[in-house]
Amino acid sequence: MTEDTTAPAGGPPARSGAAAGTRSQTLDRGIRALELLHRAGRPMSIAELARGLAVHRSIIYRILRTLEDHRLVARTPDGAYELGLGLPVLARGVSHDLQSAALPVLSALADDAAMTAFLVVPSGAEAITLTSVEPRLAPAHVAYAPGVRHPLDRGAPGIALLAAGPPRPGERPEVAEARARGWAYSRDEVLAGMSSVAAPVAAPSSRQGVAAVAVIYVEGAHGDDDTDRAALAERVRAAAKEIAADLP
């Protein structure tokens, strides 16, 4: 059986910053509503969404009706709301070349390692999972859905992304270590009890990191000594190089 890593229901924090006054509050709430539905992993009522975003029901109702008009959310027969079919249509246009190059490679890596393999891209100070593939024949594995995000300096995928660039003042020692050996490892940094190995994908034109290939697993379930980890890292590095070779 899979282990679901979807976060429990609960509203994502409101955006903050010195430039907050220049932003659209309505658009921000709409995006946070979509994030909340994604985190919940199930349909939610208007009352639940209003509580999660700390807004009046009339406000979230207007937001949901607008999102529904664009097929970004949909109503269930009992009147709750879930993510709509318009989202995958939009997502197909995100990093299309990168996703096209990555999917067959991730599929092979997931089956070979018997672990969920995924592709992470940088977005500001965060690392965001762009796509993931679960192994087809593994009796048990960790599920890791697209859209998962975490600080760029936490977790093997983020460390691998940072390691693809030049050294920065104050960077973690793990980044320099990953830069030297070509892959990163982390444990308990993003999800408790989970380990990850990642390697950067460098664009042929710039040789700068544009993404990271990673696998996630329960420590001990697939071997946990240095030899096992190094062998896994080489498979992940090979996958990253294969994706990079297919990029324009």
C-alpha atoms as a PDB file:
ATOM      1  CA  MET A   1       0.000   0.000   0.000  1.00  0.00           C
ATOM      2  CA  THR A   2       1.109   3.554  -0.519  1.00  0.00           C
ATOM      3  CA  GLU A   3       1.840   6.050   2.183  1.00  0.00           C
ATOM      4  CA  ASP A   4      -0.006   9.290   1.431  1.00  0.00           C
ATOM      5  CA  THR A   5       2.009  12.426   2.118  1.00  0.00           C
ATOM      6  CA  THR A   6      -0.828  14.860   1.441  1.00  0.00           C
ATOM      7  CA  ALA A   7      -0.931  17.460   4.166  1.00  0.00           C
ATOM      8  CA  PRO A   8      -4.041  17.589   6.377  1.00  0.00           C
ATOM      9  CA  ALA A   9      -6.715  20.149   5.723  1.00  0.00           C
ATOM     10  CA  GLY A  10      -5.788  23.592   6.891  1.00  0.00           C
ATOM     11  CA  GLY A  11      -5.452  26.912   5.220  1.00  0.00           C
ATOM     12  CA  PRO A  12      -2.128  27.938   3.755  1.00  0.00           C
ATOM     13  CA  PRO A  13      -0.807  31.073   5.376  1.00  0.00           C
ATOM     14  CA  ALA A  14      -1.670  34.413   3.892  1.00  0.00           C
ATOM     15  CA  ARG A  15       1.052  36.011   1.845  1.00  0.00           C
ATOM     16  CA  SER A  16       3.039  38.708   3.563  1.00  0.00           C
ATOM     17  CA  GLY A  17       5.731  41.177   2.648  1.00  0.00           C
ATOM     18  CA  ALA A  18       6.459  44.836   2.203  1.00  0.00           C
ATOM     19  CA  ALA A  19       4.790  44.861  -1.208  1.00  0.00           C
ATOM     20  CA  ALA A  20       1.572  43.195  -0.025  1.00  0.00           C
ATOM     21  CA  GLY A  21      -0.389  46.377  -0.652  1.00  0.00           C
ATOM     22  CA  THR A  22       0.377  46.189  -4.367  1.00  0.00           C
ATOM     23  CA  ARG A  23      -1.167  42.728  -4.710  1.00  0.00           C
ATOM     24  CA  SER A  24      -4.710  41.650  -5.507  1.00  0.00           C
ATOM     25  CA  GLN A  25      -6.322  40.355  -2.333  1.00  0.00           C
ATOM     26  CA  THR A  26      -9.095  38.621  -4.280  1.00  0.00           C
ATOM     27  CA  LEU A  27      -6.655  36.814  -6.553  1.00  0.00           C
ATOM     28  CA  ASP A  28      -4.551  35.850  -3.534  1.00  0.00           C
ATOM     29  CA  ARG A  29      -7.604  34.356  -1.834  1.00  0.00           C
ATOM     30  CA  GLY A  30      -8.548  32.453  -4.973  1.00  0.00           C
ATOM     31  CA  ILE A  31      -5.095  30.914  -5.237  1.00  0.00           C
ATOM     32  CA  ARG A  32      -5.114  30.061  -1.540  1.00  0.00           C
ATOM     33  CA  ALA A  33      -8.508  28.383  -1.981  1.00  0.00           C
ATOM     34  CA  LEU A  34      -7.033  26.166  -4.703  1.00  0.00           C
ATOM     35  CA  GLU A  35      -4.039  25.373  -2.483  1.00  0.00           C
ATOM     36  CA  LEU A  36      -6.363  24.521   0.396  1.00  0.00           C
ATOM     37  CA  LEU A  37      -8.372  22.107  -1.765  1.00  0.00           C
ATOM     38  CA  HIS A  38      -5.141  20.512  -2.956  1.00  0.00           C
ATOM     39  CA  ARG A  39      -3.855  20.078   0.593  1.00  0.00           C
ATOM     40  CA  ALA A  40      -7.146  18.619   1.791  1.00  0.00           C
ATOM     41  CA  GLY A  41      -7.219  16.029  -0.981  1.00  0.00           C
ATOM     42  CA  ARG A  42     -11.029  15.897  -0.841  1.00  0.00           C
ATOM     43  CA  PRO A  43     -14.073  18.073  -1.623  1.00  0.00           C
ATOM     44  CA  MET A  44     -14.681  20.843   0.900  1.00  0.00           C
ATOM     45  CA  SER A  45     -17.799  22.802   1.784  1.00  0.00           C
ATOM     46  CA  ILE A  46     -18.072  26.559   1.552  1.00  0.00           C
ATOM     47  CA  ALA A  47     -18.027  26.733   5.360  1.00  0.00           C
ATOM     48  CA  GLU A  48     -14.811  24.711   5.554  1.00  0.00           C
ATOM     49  CA  LEU A  49     -13.113  26.854   2.943  1.00  0.00           C
ATOM     50  CA  ALA A  50     -14.272  30.046   4.638  1.00  0.00           C
ATOM     51  CA  ARG A  51     -12.817  28.842   7.946  1.00  0.00           C
ATOM     52  CA  GLY A  52      -9.596  27.720   6.297  1.00  0.00           C
ATOM     53  CA  LEU A  53      -9.078  31.122   4.684  1.00  0.00           C
ATOM     54  CA  ALA A  54     -10.507  33.109   7.603  1.00  0.00           C
ATOM     55  CA  VAL A  55     -12.985  34.969   5.398  1.00  0.00           C
ATOM     56  CA  HIS A  56     -16.769  35.402   5.370  1.00  0.00           C
ATOM     57  CA  ARG A  57     -18.790  32.757   3.532  1.00  0.00           C
ATOM     58  CA  SER A  58     -20.102  35.329   1.070  1.00  0.00           C
ATOM     59  CA  ILE A  59     -16.543  36.178   0.020  1.00  0.00           C
ATOM     60  CA  ILE A  60     -15.465  32.602  -0.564  1.00  0.00           C
ATOM     61  CA  TYR A  61     -18.727  31.927  -2.392  1.00  0.00           C
ATOM     62  CA  ARG A  62     -18.014  34.669  -4.941  1.00  0.00           C
ATOM     63  CA  ILE A  63     -14.442  33.426  -5.346  1.00  0.00           C
ATOM     64  CA  LEU A  64     -15.596  29.846  -5.900  1.00  0.00           C
ATOM     65  CA  ARG A  65     -18.211  30.871  -8.461  1.00  0.00           C
ATOM     66  CA  THR A  66     -15.522  32.712 -10.429  1.00  0.00           C
ATOM     67  CA  LEU A  67     -13.142  29.750 -10.242  1.00  0.00           C
ATOM     68  CA  GLU A  68     -15.994  27.478 -11.290  1.00  0.00           C
ATOM     69  CA  ASP A  69     -16.682  29.633 -14.364  1.00  0.00           C
ATOM     70  CA  HIS A  70     -13.098  28.930 -15.457  1.00  0.00           C
ATOM     71  CA  ARG A  71     -13.342  25.201 -14.571  1.00  0.00           C
ATOM     72  CA  LEU A  72     -10.663  25.551 -11.892  1.00  0.00           C
ATOM     73  CA  VAL A  73     -13.054  24.135  -9.290  1.00  0.00           C
ATOM     74  CA  ALA A  74     -16.184  22.001  -9.642  1.00  0.00           C
ATOM     75  CA  ARG A  75     -19.186  21.345  -7.434  1.00  0.00           C
ATOM     76  CA  THR A  76     -19.938  17.836  -6.234  1.00  0.00           C
ATOM     77  CA  PRO A  77     -23.538  16.545  -6.056  1.00  0.00           C
ATOM     78  CA  ASP A  78     -23.728  17.428  -2.351  1.00  0.00           C
ATOM     79  CA  GLY A  79     -22.676  21.040  -2.984  1.00  0.00           C
ATOM     80  CA  ALA A  80     -19.050  20.801  -1.887  1.00  0.00           C
ATOM     81  CA  TYR A  81     -16.173  22.012  -4.055  1.00  0.00           C
ATOM     82  CA  GLU A  82     -13.208  20.129  -5.513  1.00  0.00           C
ATOM     83  CA  LEU A  83     -10.403  20.964  -7.919  1.00  0.00           C
ATOM     84  CA  GLY A  84     -11.658  21.265 -11.482  1.00  0.00           C
ATOM     85  CA  LEU A  85     -10.666  19.812 -14.827  1.00  0.00           C
ATOM     86  CA  GLY A  86      -9.322  23.148 -16.012  1.00  0.00           C
ATOM     87  CA  LEU A  87      -6.238  22.811 -13.809  1.00  0.00           C
ATOM     88  CA  PRO A  88      -4.619  19.892 -15.689  1.00  0.00           C
ATOM     89  CA  VAL A  89      -5.188  21.766 -18.946  1.00  0.00           C
ATOM     90  CA  LEU A  90      -3.231  24.725 -17.581  1.00  0.00           C
ATOM     91  CA  ALA A  91      -0.581  22.474 -16.058  1.00  0.00           C
ATOM     92  CA  ARG A  92       0.203  20.834 -19.380  1.00  0.00           C
ATOM     93  CA  GLY A  93       1.647  24.107 -20.572  1.00  0.00           C
ATOM     94  CA  VAL A  94       4.046  24.448 -17.621  1.00  0.00           C
ATOM     95  CA  SER A  95       7.610  23.462 -18.514  1.00  0.00           C
ATOM     96  CA  HIS A  96       6.243  21.340 -21.358  1.00  0.00           C
ATOM     97  CA  ASP A  97       9.646  20.399 -22.794  1.00  0.00           C
ATOM     98  CA  LEU A  98      10.962  19.530 -19.363  1.00  0.00           C
ATOM     99  CA  GLN A  99       7.970  17.369 -18.476  1.00  0.00           C
ATOM    100  CA  SER A 100       8.028  15.606 -21.839  1.00  0.00           C
ATOM    101  CA  ALA A 101      11.699  14.741 -21.389  1.00  0.00           C
ATOM    102  CA  ALA A 102      11.268  13.719 -17.777  1.00  0.00           C
ATOM    103  CA  LEU A 103       8.223  11.446 -17.753  1.00  0.00           C
ATOM    104  CA  PRO A 104       9.661   8.355 -19.480  1.00  0.00           C
ATOM    105  CA  VAL A 105      12.894   8.686 -17.524  1.00  0.00           C
ATOM    106  CA  LEU A 106      11.041   9.049 -14.219  1.00  0.00           C
ATOM    107  CA  SER A 107       8.920   6.014 -15.049  1.00  0.00           C
ATOM    108  CA  ALA A 108      11.997   3.886 -15.642  1.00  0.00           C
ATOM    109  CA  LEU A 109      13.674   5.200 -12.496  1.00  0.00           C
ATOM    110  CA  ALA A 110      10.585   4.553 -10.351  1.00  0.00           C
ATOM    111  CA  ASP A 111      10.303   0.964 -11.541  1.00  0.00           C
ATOM    112  CA  ASP A 112      14.034   0.305 -11.293  1.00  0.00           C
ATOM    113  CA  ALA A 113      14.362   1.722  -7.773  1.00  0.00           C
ATOM    114  CA  ALA A 114      10.891   0.593  -6.600  1.00  0.00           C
ATOM    115  CA  MET A 115      10.390   4.138  -5.276  1.00  0.00           C
ATOM    116  CA  THR A 116       8.360   7.142  -6.272  1.00  0.00           C
ATOM    117  CA  ALA A 117      10.441   9.323  -8.589  1.00  0.00           C
ATOM    118  CA  PHE A 118       9.664  12.993  -9.081  1.00  0.00           C
ATOM    119  CA  LEU A 119      10.864  16.183 -10.719  1.00  0.00           C
ATOM    120  CA  VAL A 120      11.292  19.385  -8.711  1.00  0.00           C
ATOM    121  CA  VAL A 121      11.752  22.916 -10.035  1.00  0.00           C
ATOM    122  CA  PRO A 122      12.751  26.109  -8.213  1.00  0.00           C
ATOM    123  CA  SER A 123      10.248  28.908  -7.676  1.00  0.00           C
ATOM    124  CA  GLY A 124      11.665  31.822  -5.729  1.00  0.00           C
ATOM    125  CA  ALA A 125      12.724  30.503  -2.331  1.00  0.00           C
ATOM    126  CA  GLU A 126      10.793  27.247  -2.745  1.00  0.00           C
ATOM    127  CA  ALA A 127      11.189  23.902  -4.463  1.00  0.00           C
ATOM    128  CA  ILE A 128       7.985  22.682  -6.118  1.00  0.00           C
ATOM    129  CA  THR A 129       7.229  19.169  -7.347  1.00  0.00           C
ATOM    130  CA  LEU A 130       6.316  19.461 -11.016  1.00  0.00           C
ATOM    131  CA  THR A 131       5.498  15.827 -11.741  1.00  0.00           C
ATOM    132  CA  SER A 132       5.887  12.440 -10.076  1.00  0.00           C
ATOM    133  CA  VAL A 133       5.693   8.769 -11.055  1.00  0.00           C
ATOM    134  CA  GLU A 134       4.990   5.863  -8.714  1.00  0.00           C
ATOM    135  CA  PRO A 135       6.498   2.401  -9.284  1.00  0.00           C
ATOM    136  CA  ARG A 136       4.151  -0.058 -10.936  1.00  0.00           C
ATOM    137  CA  LEU A 137       5.167  -3.297  -9.233  1.00  0.00           C
ATOM    138  CA  ALA A 138       6.518  -2.285  -5.811  1.00  0.00           C
ATOM    139  CA  PRO A 139       4.491  -3.824  -2.951  1.00  0.00           C
ATOM    140  CA  ALA A 140       4.795  -0.581  -0.963  1.00  0.00           C
ATOM    141  CA  HIS A 141       6.004   2.920  -1.712  1.00  0.00           C
ATOM    142  CA  VAL A 142       5.596   6.521  -0.656  1.00  0.00           C
ATOM    143  CA  ALA A 143       3.117   8.623  -2.619  1.00  0.00           C
ATOM    144  CA  TYR A 144       4.324  12.139  -3.409  1.00  0.00           C
ATOM    145  CA  ALA A 145       1.924  14.293  -5.383  1.00  0.00           C
ATOM    146  CA  PRO A 146       2.730  17.129  -7.793  1.00  0.00           C
ATOM    147  CA  GLY A 147       2.373  20.542  -6.208  1.00  0.00           C
ATOM    148  CA  VAL A 148       4.201  19.679  -2.988  1.00  0.00           C
ATOM    149  CA  ARG A 149       6.456  22.593  -2.048  1.00  0.00           C
ATOM    150  CA  HIS A 150       9.097  23.190   0.589  1.00  0.00           C
ATOM    151  CA  PRO A 151      11.894  25.695   1.283  1.00  0.00           C
ATOM    152  CA  LEU A 152      14.640  25.548  -1.310  1.00  0.00           C
ATOM    153  CA  ASP A 153      17.328  24.951   1.308  1.00  0.00           C
ATOM    154  CA  ARG A 154      15.543  21.936   2.827  1.00  0.00           C
ATOM    155  CA  GLY A 155      15.358  18.417   1.494  1.00  0.00           C
ATOM    156  CA  ALA A 156      17.515  16.680  -1.085  1.00  0.00           C
ATOM    157  CA  PRO A 157      15.725  18.137  -4.146  1.00  0.00           C
ATOM    158  CA  GLY A 158      16.183  21.714  -2.953  1.00  0.00           C
ATOM    159  CA  ILE A 159      19.782  21.085  -1.967  1.00  0.00           C
ATOM    160  CA  ALA A 160      20.442  19.585  -5.415  1.00  0.00           C
ATOM    161  CA  LEU A 161      18.955  22.654  -7.091  1.00  0.00           C
ATOM    162  CA  LEU A 162      21.172  24.962  -5.046  1.00  0.00           C
ATOM    163  CA  ALA A 163      24.197  22.761  -5.694  1.00  0.00           C
ATOM    164  CA  ALA A 164      23.744  23.248  -9.445  1.00  0.00           C
ATOM    165  CA  GLY A 165      24.571  26.927  -9.040  1.00  0.00           C
ATOM    166  CA  PRO A 166      27.685  28.716  -7.812  1.00  0.00           C
ATOM    167  CA  PRO A 167      28.541  28.832  -4.092  1.00  0.00           C
ATOM    168  CA  ARG A 168      26.591  31.393  -2.087  1.00  0.00           C
ATOM    169  CA  PRO A 169      27.525  33.083   1.178  1.00  0.00           C
ATOM    170  CA  GLY A 170      26.032  31.269   4.142  1.00  0.00           C
ATOM    171  CA  GLU A 171      24.882  28.212   2.226  1.00  0.00           C
ATOM    172  CA  ARG A 172      24.501  24.930   4.092  1.00  0.00           C
ATOM    173  CA  PRO A 173      27.509  22.574   4.117  1.00  0.00           C
ATOM    174  CA  GLU A 174      25.235  19.963   2.532  1.00  0.00           C
ATOM    175  CA  VAL A 175      24.962  22.144  -0.577  1.00  0.00           C
ATOM    176  CA  ALA A 176      28.728  22.266  -1.052  1.00  0.00           C
ATOM    177  CA  GLU A 177      28.912  18.516  -0.451  1.00  0.00           C
ATOM    178  CA  ALA A 178      26.217  17.877  -3.060  1.00  0.00           C
ATOM    179  CA  ARG A 179      28.003  20.173  -5.507  1.00  0.00           C
ATOM    180  CA  ALA A 180      31.199  18.166  -5.111  1.00  0.00           C
ATOM    181  CA  ARG A 181      29.696  14.699  -5.514  1.00  0.00           C
ATOM    182  CA  GLY A 182      26.815  15.494  -7.885  1.00  0.00           C
ATOM    183  CA  TRP A 183      23.892  14.407  -5.696  1.00  0.00           C
ATOM    184  CA  ALA A 184      22.165  15.268  -2.438  1.00  0.00           C
ATOM    185  CA  TYR A 185      20.708  13.242   0.417  1.00  0.00           C
ATOM    186  CA  SER A 186      18.331  14.224   3.189  1.00  0.00           C
ATOM    187  CA  ARG A 187      16.366  12.573   5.932  1.00  0.00           C
ATOM    188  CA  ASP A 188      13.502  13.940   8.056  1.00  0.00           C
ATOM    189  CA  GLU A 189      13.838  17.387   6.478  1.00  0.00           C
ATOM    190  CA  VAL A 190      10.564  17.681   4.571  1.00  0.00           C
ATOM    191  CA  LEU A 191       8.558  14.691   5.795  1.00  0.00           C
ATOM    192  CA  ALA A 192       9.199  12.907   9.077  1.00  0.00           C
ATOM    193  CA  GLY A 193      10.706   9.458   8.587  1.00  0.00           C
ATOM    194  CA  MET A 194      11.250   9.975   4.877  1.00  0.00           C
ATOM    195  CA  SER A 195      14.585   9.996   3.060  1.00  0.00           C
ATOM    196  CA  SER A 196      15.338  11.395  -0.359  1.00  0.00           C
ATOM    197  CA  VAL A 197      18.154  11.321  -2.874  1.00  0.00           C
ATOM    198  CA  ALA A 198      18.268  13.925  -5.651  1.00  0.00           C
ATOM    199  CA  ALA A 199      20.470  15.105  -8.504  1.00  0.00           C
ATOM    200  CA  PRO A 200      20.308  18.330 -10.524  1.00  0.00           C
ATOM    201  CA  VAL A 201      19.180  18.506 -14.138  1.00  0.00           C
ATOM    202  CA  ALA A 202      21.317  21.027 -16.008  1.00  0.00           C
ATOM    203  CA  ALA A 203      20.152  22.723 -19.198  1.00  0.00           C
ATOM    204  CA  PRO A 204      22.585  21.959 -22.050  1.00  0.00           C
ATOM    205  CA  SER A 205      22.660  25.600 -23.156  1.00  0.00           C
ATOM    206  CA  SER A 206      23.638  27.082 -19.790  1.00  0.00           C
ATOM    207  CA  ARG A 207      24.712  24.098 -17.675  1.00  0.00           C
ATOM    208  CA  GLN A 208      22.722  25.703 -14.860  1.00  0.00           C
ATOM    209  CA  GLY A 209      20.257  23.685 -12.833  1.00  0.00           C
ATOM    210  CA  VAL A 210      16.696  23.911 -14.119  1.00  0.00           C
ATOM    211  CA  ALA A 211      15.270  21.035 -12.097  1.00  0.00           C
ATOM    212  CA  ALA A 212      16.175  18.139  -9.849  1.00  0.00           C
ATOM    213  CA  VAL A 213      15.332  14.452 -10.126  1.00  0.00           C
ATOM    214  CA  ALA A 214      14.588  12.780  -6.807  1.00  0.00           C
ATOM    215  CA  VAL A 215      13.309   9.610  -5.202  1.00  0.00           C
ATOM    216  CA  ILE A 216      11.641   9.321  -1.817  1.00  0.00           C
ATOM    217  CA  TYR A 217      11.575   6.308   0.469  1.00  0.00           C
ATOM    218  CA  VAL A 218      11.348   5.066   4.049  1.00  0.00           C
ATOM    219  CA  GLU A 219      14.836   4.752   5.504  1.00  0.00           C
ATOM    220  CA  GLY A 220      15.719   1.101   5.988  1.00  0.00           C
ATOM    221  CA  ALA A 221      13.098  -0.227   3.599  1.00  0.00           C
ATOM    222  CA  HIS A 222      15.536  -0.126   0.666  1.00  0.00           C
ATOM    223  CA  GLY A 223      18.851  -0.386   2.492  1.00  0.00           C
ATOM    224  CA  ASP A 224      20.368   2.420   4.482  1.00  0.00           C
ATOM    225  CA  ASP A 225      24.127   2.030   4.395  1.00  0.00           C
ATOM    226  CA  ASP A 226      26.500   4.215   2.398  1.00  0.00           C
ATOM    227  CA  THR A 227      26.930   1.616  -0.352  1.00  0.00           C
ATOM    228  CA  ASP A 228      23.192   1.282  -0.951  1.00  0.00           C
ATOM    229  CA  ARG A 229      22.744   5.050  -0.932  1.00  0.00           C
ATOM    230  CA  ALA A 230      25.624   5.624  -3.343  1.00  0.00           C
ATOM    231  CA  ALA A 231      24.223   3.033  -5.756  1.00  0.00           C
ATOM    232  CA  LEU A 232      20.812   4.690  -5.603  1.00  0.00           C
ATOM    233  CA  ALA A 233      22.415   8.093  -6.144  1.00  0.00           C
ATOM    234  CA  GLU A 234      24.127   6.871  -9.297  1.00  0.00           C
ATOM    235  CA  ARG A 235      20.787   5.728 -10.721  1.00  0.00           C
ATOM    236  CA  VAL A 236      19.272   9.115  -9.898  1.00  0.00           C
ATOM    237  CA  ARG A 237      22.248  10.962 -11.440  1.00  0.00           C
ATOM    238  CA  ALA A 238      21.958   8.870 -14.593  1.00  0.00           C
ATOM    239  CA  ALA A 239      18.269   9.786 -14.835  1.00  0.00           C
ATOM    240  CA  ALA A 240      19.061  13.493 -14.410  1.00  0.00           C
ATOM    241  CA  LYS A 241      21.698  13.326 -17.166  1.00  0.00           C
ATOM    242  CA  GLU A 242      19.280  11.520 -19.492  1.00  0.00           C
ATOM    243  CA  ILE A 243      16.641  14.209 -19.003  1.00  0.00           C
ATOM    244  CA  ALA A 244      19.190  16.968 -19.549  1.00  0.00           C
ATOM    245  CA  ALA A 245      20.337  15.358 -22.785  1.00  0.00           C
ATOM    246  CA  ASP A 246      16.772  15.501 -24.141  1.00  0.00           C
ATOM    247  CA  LEU A 247      16.262  19.181 -23.374  1.00  0.00           C
ATOM    248  CA  PRO A 248      16.487  21.691 -26.221  1.00  0.00           C
END
